[in-house]
Every structure is written in structure tokens, then in C-alpha cells.
Amino acid sequence: MSHPVTEPRPRFYFVPEVAKELRRSEGATRWLIHSGALKSSKLAGRRVVTQAQLDEFFASAFEEAS
């Protein structure tokens, strides 16, 4: 029995990739970052979001909805 080959997930995402994951515009994503709702870091002058930060954002959203 063979297992399907999956591509490894990136360790971090740039804003356009985060926007795609959130199904939001880049502007809305930048606002989430600016307001502190979505944590991020800077890497070589570019804003990045780690997988852990994105997972935390989703977990927090589901906690608030409960």
C-alpha cells in the first residue's frame, strides 16, 4: 500500500500567500498584521507569517466563535 506523496508545507508565508490561505485581500491581510490580530515577523525586510502563527490565528478565531 503506497501513501500519496505530499509536498512539504513552507515554514513561512509572505503576505500574498497568507492572503490566499485566509481568502482575503492582501490589504485586509496587512491590516490584520498591522492591528496585531495576526502575528508576523520581518525577514530580509519582508513581512512573513510562520505556520505556527497562522495556526494560532485560526485557533484564536475558533475560540472566539465558541
PDB file of N, CA and C in Angstrom:
ATOM      1  N   MET A   1       0.858  -1.177   0.000  1.00  0.00           N
ATOM      2  CA  MET A   1       0.000   0.000   0.000  1.00  0.00           C
ATOM      3  C   MET A   1       0.894   1.226   0.000  1.00  0.00           C
ATOM      4  N   SER A   2       0.771   2.057  -1.012  1.00  0.00           N
ATOM      5  CA  SER A   2       1.600   3.262  -1.075  1.00  0.00           C
ATOM      6  C   SER A   2       0.821   4.466  -0.564  1.00  0.00           C
ATOM      7  N   HIS A   3       1.549   5.378   0.019  1.00  0.00           N
ATOM      8  CA  HIS A   3       0.950   6.604   0.550  1.00  0.00           C
ATOM      9  C   HIS A   3       1.131   7.711  -0.476  1.00  0.00           C
ATOM     10  N   PRO A   4       0.139   8.596  -0.592  1.00  0.00           N
ATOM     11  CA  PRO A   4       0.289   9.690  -1.546  1.00  0.00           C
ATOM     12  C   PRO A   4       1.443  10.600  -1.129  1.00  0.00           C
ATOM     13  N   VAL A   5       2.147  11.096  -2.094  1.00  0.00           N
ATOM     14  CA  VAL A   5       3.264  11.994  -1.824  1.00  0.00           C
ATOM     15  C   VAL A   5       2.715  13.398  -1.663  1.00  0.00           C
ATOM     16  N   THR A   6       3.015  14.003  -0.544  1.00  0.00           N
ATOM     17  CA  THR A   6       2.579  15.375  -0.309  1.00  0.00           C
ATOM     18  C   THR A   6       3.798  16.286  -0.286  1.00  0.00           C
ATOM     19  N   GLU A   7       3.592  17.480  -0.783  1.00  0.00           N
ATOM     20  CA  GLU A   7       4.675  18.451  -0.758  1.00  0.00           C
ATOM     21  C   GLU A   7       4.814  18.982   0.652  1.00  0.00           C
ATOM     22  N   PRO A   8       6.042  19.223   1.089  1.00  0.00           N
ATOM     23  CA  PRO A   8       6.213  19.785   2.428  1.00  0.00           C
ATOM     24  C   PRO A   8       5.636  21.193   2.488  1.00  0.00           C
ATOM     25  N   ARG A   9       5.056  21.522   3.623  1.00  0.00           N
ATOM     26  CA  ARG A   9       4.496  22.859   3.808  1.00  0.00           C
ATOM     27  C   ARG A   9       5.633  23.844   4.034  1.00  0.00           C
ATOM     28  N   PRO A  10       5.492  25.052   3.539  1.00  0.00           N
ATOM     29  CA  PRO A  10       6.551  26.039   3.780  1.00  0.00           C
ATOM     30  C   PRO A  10       6.625  26.391   5.258  1.00  0.00           C
ATOM     31  N   ARG A  11       7.795  26.770   5.693  1.00  0.00           N
ATOM     32  CA  ARG A  11       7.975  27.153   7.091  1.00  0.00           C
ATOM     33  C   ARG A  11       7.396  28.530   7.367  1.00  0.00           C
ATOM     34  N   PHE A  12       7.288  29.351   6.322  1.00  0.00           N
ATOM     35  CA  PHE A  12       6.714  30.677   6.485  1.00  0.00           C
ATOM     36  C   PHE A  12       6.052  31.103   5.184  1.00  0.00           C
ATOM     37  N   TYR A  13       5.172  32.097   5.304  1.00  0.00           N
ATOM     38  CA  TYR A  13       4.427  32.598   4.157  1.00  0.00           C
ATOM     39  C   TYR A  13       4.647  34.101   4.029  1.00  0.00           C
ATOM     40  N   PHE A  14       4.710  34.588   2.791  1.00  0.00           N
ATOM     41  CA  PHE A  14       4.709  36.017   2.538  1.00  0.00           C
ATOM     42  C   PHE A  14       3.259  36.481   2.492  1.00  0.00           C
ATOM     43  N   VAL A  15       3.032  37.787   2.583  1.00  0.00           N
ATOM     44  CA  VAL A  15       1.680  38.333   2.670  1.00  0.00           C
ATOM     45  C   VAL A  15       0.751  37.819   1.561  1.00  0.00           C
ATOM     46  N   PRO A  16       1.162  37.792   0.291  1.00  0.00           N
ATOM     47  CA  PRO A  16       0.231  37.274  -0.732  1.00  0.00           C
ATOM     48  C   PRO A  16      -0.193  35.821  -0.480  1.00  0.00           C
ATOM     49  N   GLU A  17       0.715  35.016   0.047  1.00  0.00           N
ATOM     50  CA  GLU A  17       0.388  33.615   0.338  1.00  0.00           C
ATOM     51  C   GLU A  17      -0.545  33.512   1.544  1.00  0.00           C
ATOM     52  N   VAL A  18      -0.335  34.368   2.542  1.00  0.00           N
ATOM     53  CA  VAL A  18      -1.227  34.388   3.709  1.00  0.00           C
ATOM     54  C   VAL A  18      -2.619  34.814   3.269  1.00  0.00           C
ATOM     55  N   ALA A  19      -2.684  35.834   2.426  1.00  0.00           N
ATOM     56  CA  ALA A  19      -3.978  36.316   1.934  1.00  0.00           C
ATOM     57  C   ALA A  19      -4.735  35.191   1.232  1.00  0.00           C
ATOM     58  N   LYS A  20      -4.022  34.408   0.458  1.00  0.00           N
ATOM     59  CA  LYS A  20      -4.655  33.290  -0.238  1.00  0.00           C
ATOM     60  C   LYS A  20      -5.182  32.260   0.756  1.00  0.00           C
ATOM     61  N   GLU A  21      -4.385  31.945   1.782  1.00  0.00           N
ATOM     62  CA  GLU A  21      -4.816  30.992   2.821  1.00  0.00           C
ATOM     63  C   GLU A  21      -6.058  31.498   3.555  1.00  0.00           C
ATOM     64  N   LEU A  22      -6.095  32.819   3.818  1.00  0.00           N
ATOM     65  CA  LEU A  22      -7.212  33.414   4.563  1.00  0.00           C
ATOM     66  C   LEU A  22      -8.400  33.748   3.667  1.00  0.00           C
ATOM     67  N   ARG A  23      -8.170  33.660   2.340  1.00  0.00           N
ATOM     68  CA  ARG A  23      -9.185  34.063   1.363  1.00  0.00           C
ATOM     69  C   ARG A  23      -9.598  35.508   1.581  1.00  0.00           C
ATOM     70  N   ARG A  24      -8.599  36.348   1.776  1.00  0.00           N
ATOM     71  CA  ARG A  24      -8.769  37.793   1.961  1.00  0.00           C
ATOM     72  C   ARG A  24      -7.842  38.519   1.005  1.00  0.00           C
ATOM     73  N   SER A  25      -8.065  39.799   0.849  1.00  0.00           N
ATOM     74  CA  SER A  25      -7.175  40.590   0.006  1.00  0.00           C
ATOM     75  C   SER A  25      -5.851  40.804   0.729  1.00  0.00           C
ATOM     76  N   GLU A  26      -4.839  41.185  -0.025  1.00  0.00           N
ATOM     77  CA  GLU A  26      -3.555  41.487   0.600  1.00  0.00           C
ATOM     78  C   GLU A  26      -3.692  42.666   1.547  1.00  0.00           C
ATOM     79  N   GLY A  27      -4.500  43.658   1.167  1.00  0.00           N
ATOM     80  CA  GLY A  27      -4.715  44.816   2.034  1.00  0.00           C
ATOM     81  C   GLY A  27      -5.351  44.423   3.361  1.00  0.00           C
ATOM     82  N   ALA A  28      -6.361  43.550   3.302  1.00  0.00           N
ATOM     83  CA  ALA A  28      -7.019  43.092   4.529  1.00  0.00           C
ATOM     84  C   ALA A  28      -6.052  42.286   5.390  1.00  0.00           C
ATOM     85  N   THR A  29      -5.202  41.511   4.735  1.00  0.00           N
ATOM     86  CA  THR A  29      -4.213  40.714   5.464  1.00  0.00           C
ATOM     87  C   THR A  29      -3.192  41.624   6.141  1.00  0.00           C
ATOM     88  N   ARG A  30      -2.751  42.647   5.410  1.00  0.00           N
ATOM     89  CA  ARG A  30      -1.808  43.604   6.008  1.00  0.00           C
ATOM     90  C   ARG A  30      -2.448  44.308   7.206  1.00  0.00           C
ATOM     91  N   TRP A  31      -3.754  44.595   7.127  1.00  0.00           N
ATOM     92  CA  TRP A  31      -4.439  45.231   8.245  1.00  0.00           C
ATOM     93  C   TRP A  31      -4.476  44.292   9.463  1.00  0.00           C
ATOM     94  N   LEU A  32      -4.736  43.013   9.236  1.00  0.00           N
ATOM     95  CA  LEU A  32      -4.723  42.048  10.342  1.00  0.00           C
ATOM     96  C   LEU A  32      -3.354  42.039  11.021  1.00  0.00           C
ATOM     97  N   ILE A  33      -2.308  42.115  10.214  1.00  0.00           N
ATOM     98  CA  ILE A  33      -0.948  42.139  10.755  1.00  0.00           C
ATOM     99  C   ILE A  33      -0.708  43.448  11.499  1.00  0.00           C
ATOM    100  N   HIS A  34      -1.072  44.578  10.877  1.00  0.00           N
ATOM    101  CA  HIS A  34      -0.865  45.894  11.486  1.00  0.00           C
ATOM    102  C   HIS A  34      -1.613  46.028  12.817  1.00  0.00           C
ATOM    103  N   SER A  35      -2.831  45.506  12.867  1.00  0.00           N
ATOM    104  CA  SER A  35      -3.653  45.629  14.077  1.00  0.00           C
ATOM    105  C   SER A  35      -3.227  44.658  15.177  1.00  0.00           C
ATOM    106  N   GLY A  36      -2.349  43.700  14.830  1.00  0.00           N
ATOM    107  CA  GLY A  36      -1.887  42.742  15.829  1.00  0.00           C
ATOM    108  C   GLY A  36      -2.741  41.492  15.927  1.00  0.00           C
ATOM    109  N   ALA A  37      -3.799  41.420  15.128  1.00  0.00           N
ATOM    110  CA  ALA A  37      -4.660  40.236  15.159  1.00  0.00           C
ATOM    111  C   ALA A  37      -3.931  39.007  14.619  1.00  0.00           C
ATOM    112  N   LEU A  38      -3.013  39.249  13.686  1.00  0.00           N
ATOM    113  CA  LEU A  38      -2.211  38.175  13.098  1.00  0.00           C
ATOM    114  C   LEU A  38      -0.748  38.507  13.335  1.00  0.00           C
ATOM    115  N   LYS A  39      -0.082  37.680  14.100  1.00  0.00           N
ATOM    116  CA  LYS A  39       1.329  37.916  14.396  1.00  0.00           C
ATOM    117  C   LYS A  39       2.177  37.644  13.158  1.00  0.00           C
ATOM    118  N   SER A  40       3.294  38.369  13.073  1.00  0.00           N
ATOM    119  CA  SER A  40       4.202  38.199  11.936  1.00  0.00           C
ATOM    120  C   SER A  40       5.603  38.605  12.356  1.00  0.00           C
ATOM    121  N   SER A  41       6.523  38.417  11.447  1.00  0.00           N
ATOM    122  CA  SER A  41       7.923  38.789  11.674  1.00  0.00           C
ATOM    123  C   SER A  41       8.449  39.424  10.399  1.00  0.00           C
ATOM    124  N   LYS A  42       9.626  40.013  10.505  1.00  0.00           N
ATOM    125  CA  LYS A  42      10.273  40.537   9.302  1.00  0.00           C
ATOM    126  C   LYS A  42      11.463  39.658   8.979  1.00  0.00           C
ATOM    127  N   LEU A  43      11.604  39.333   7.712  1.00  0.00           N
ATOM    128  CA  LEU A  43      12.707  38.514   7.236  1.00  0.00           C
ATOM    129  C   LEU A  43      13.265  39.204   5.997  1.00  0.00           C
ATOM    130  N   ALA A  44      14.485  39.676   6.104  1.00  0.00           N
ATOM    131  CA  ALA A  44      15.130  40.382   4.984  1.00  0.00           C
ATOM    132  C   ALA A  44      14.263  41.525   4.476  1.00  0.00           C
ATOM    133  N   GLY A  45      13.634  42.231   5.408  1.00  0.00           N
ATOM    134  CA  GLY A  45      12.825  43.391   5.053  1.00  0.00           C
ATOM    135  C   GLY A  45      11.421  43.092   4.577  1.00  0.00           C
ATOM    136  N   ARG A  46      11.054  41.824   4.526  1.00  0.00           N
ATOM    137  CA  ARG A  46       9.703  41.448   4.095  1.00  0.00           C
ATOM    138  C   ARG A  46       8.926  40.854   5.257  1.00  0.00           C
ATOM    139  N   ARG A  47       7.644  41.152   5.311  1.00  0.00           N
ATOM    140  CA  ARG A  47       6.770  40.643   6.355  1.00  0.00           C
ATOM    141  C   ARG A  47       6.467  39.186   6.061  1.00  0.00           C
ATOM    142  N   VAL A  48       6.643  38.315   7.049  1.00  0.00           N
ATOM    143  CA  VAL A  48       6.359  36.891   6.903  1.00  0.00           C
ATOM    144  C   VAL A  48       5.540  36.395   8.083  1.00  0.00           C
ATOM    145  N   VAL A  49       4.780  35.349   7.845  1.00  0.00           N
ATOM    146  CA  VAL A  49       3.968  34.707   8.881  1.00  0.00           C
ATOM    147  C   VAL A  49       4.367  33.238   8.895  1.00  0.00           C
ATOM    148  N   THR A  50       4.718  32.737  10.058  1.00  0.00           N
ATOM    149  CA  THR A  50       5.090  31.332  10.165  1.00  0.00           C
ATOM    150  C   THR A  50       3.833  30.471  10.201  1.00  0.00           C
ATOM    151  N   GLN A  51       4.014  29.191   9.933  1.00  0.00           N
ATOM    152  CA  GLN A  51       2.886  28.263  10.006  1.00  0.00           C
ATOM    153  C   GLN A  51       2.291  28.268  11.410  1.00  0.00           C
ATOM    154  N   ALA A  52       3.135  28.333  12.423  1.00  0.00           N
ATOM    155  CA  ALA A  52       2.654  28.354  13.810  1.00  0.00           C
ATOM    156  C   ALA A  52       1.813  29.601  14.081  1.00  0.00           C
ATOM    157  N   GLN A  53       2.231  30.748  13.562  1.00  0.00           N
ATOM    158  CA  GLN A  53       1.467  31.983  13.755  1.00  0.00           C
ATOM    159  C   GLN A  53       0.125  31.904  13.045  1.00  0.00           C
ATOM    160  N   LEU A  54       0.114  31.316  11.859  1.00  0.00           N
ATOM    161  CA  LEU A  54      -1.135  31.158  11.118  1.00  0.00           C
ATOM    162  C   LEU A  54      -2.067  30.187  11.845  1.00  0.00           C
ATOM    163  N   ASP A  55      -1.520  29.088  12.350  1.00  0.00           N
ATOM    164  CA  ASP A  55      -2.323  28.131  13.122  1.00  0.00           C
ATOM    165  C   ASP A  55      -2.898  28.783  14.375  1.00  0.00           C
ATOM    166  N   GLU A  56      -2.097  29.616  15.038  1.00  0.00           N
ATOM    167  CA  GLU A  56      -2.557  30.326  16.243  1.00  0.00           C
ATOM    168  C   GLU A  56      -3.706  31.273  15.901  1.00  0.00           C
ATOM    169  N   PHE A  57      -3.591  31.953  14.765  1.00  0.00           N
ATOM    170  CA  PHE A  57      -4.646  32.868  14.327  1.00  0.00           C
ATOM    171  C   PHE A  57      -5.959  32.113  14.133  1.00  0.00           C
ATOM    172  N   PHE A  58      -5.899  30.966  13.447  1.00  0.00           N
ATOM    173  CA  PHE A  58      -7.102  30.159  13.228  1.00  0.00           C
ATOM    174  C   PHE A  58      -7.672  29.641  14.549  1.00  0.00           C
ATOM    175  N   ALA A  59      -6.813  29.151  15.426  1.00  0.00           N
ATOM    176  CA  ALA A  59      -7.278  28.630  16.714  1.00  0.00           C
ATOM    177  C   ALA A  59      -7.971  29.721  17.514  1.00  0.00           C
ATOM    178  N   SER A  60      -7.395  30.906  17.508  1.00  0.00           N
ATOM    179  CA  SER A  60      -7.976  32.036  18.228  1.00  0.00           C
ATOM    180  C   SER A  60      -9.345  32.406  17.658  1.00  0.00           C
ATOM    181  N   ALA A  61      -9.468  32.384  16.346  1.00  0.00           N
ATOM    182  CA  ALA A  61     -10.749  32.712  15.710  1.00  0.00           C
ATOM    183  C   ALA A  61     -11.821  31.707  16.101  1.00  0.00           C
ATOM    184  N   PHE A  62     -11.465  30.423  16.176  1.00  0.00           N
ATOM    185  CA  PHE A  62     -12.447  29.418  16.550  1.00  0.00           C
ATOM    186  C   PHE A  62     -12.801  29.494  18.029  1.00  0.00           C
ATOM    187  N   GLU A  63     -11.858  29.896  18.873  1.00  0.00           N
ATOM    188  CA  GLU A  63     -12.151  30.071  20.293  1.00  0.00           C
ATOM    189  C   GLU A  63     -13.139  31.202  20.505  1.00  0.00           C
ATOM    190  N   GLU A  64     -12.947  32.315  19.774  1.00  0.00           N
ATOM    191  CA  GLU A  64     -13.846  33.460  19.893  1.00  0.00           C
ATOM    192  C   GLU A  64     -15.261  33.114  19.411  1.00  0.00           C
ATOM    193  N   ALA A  65     -15.351  32.244  18.416  1.00  0.00           N
ATOM    194  CA  ALA A  65     -16.652  31.877  17.849  1.00  0.00           C
ATOM    195  C   ALA A  65     -17.428  30.941  18.776  1.00  0.00           C
ATOM    196  N   SER A  66     -16.736  30.280  19.698  1.00  0.00           N
ATOM    197  CA  SER A  66     -17.400  29.310  20.578  1.00  0.00           C
ATOM    198  C   SER A  66     -18.121  29.976  21.719  1.00  0.00           C
TER     199      SER A  66
END
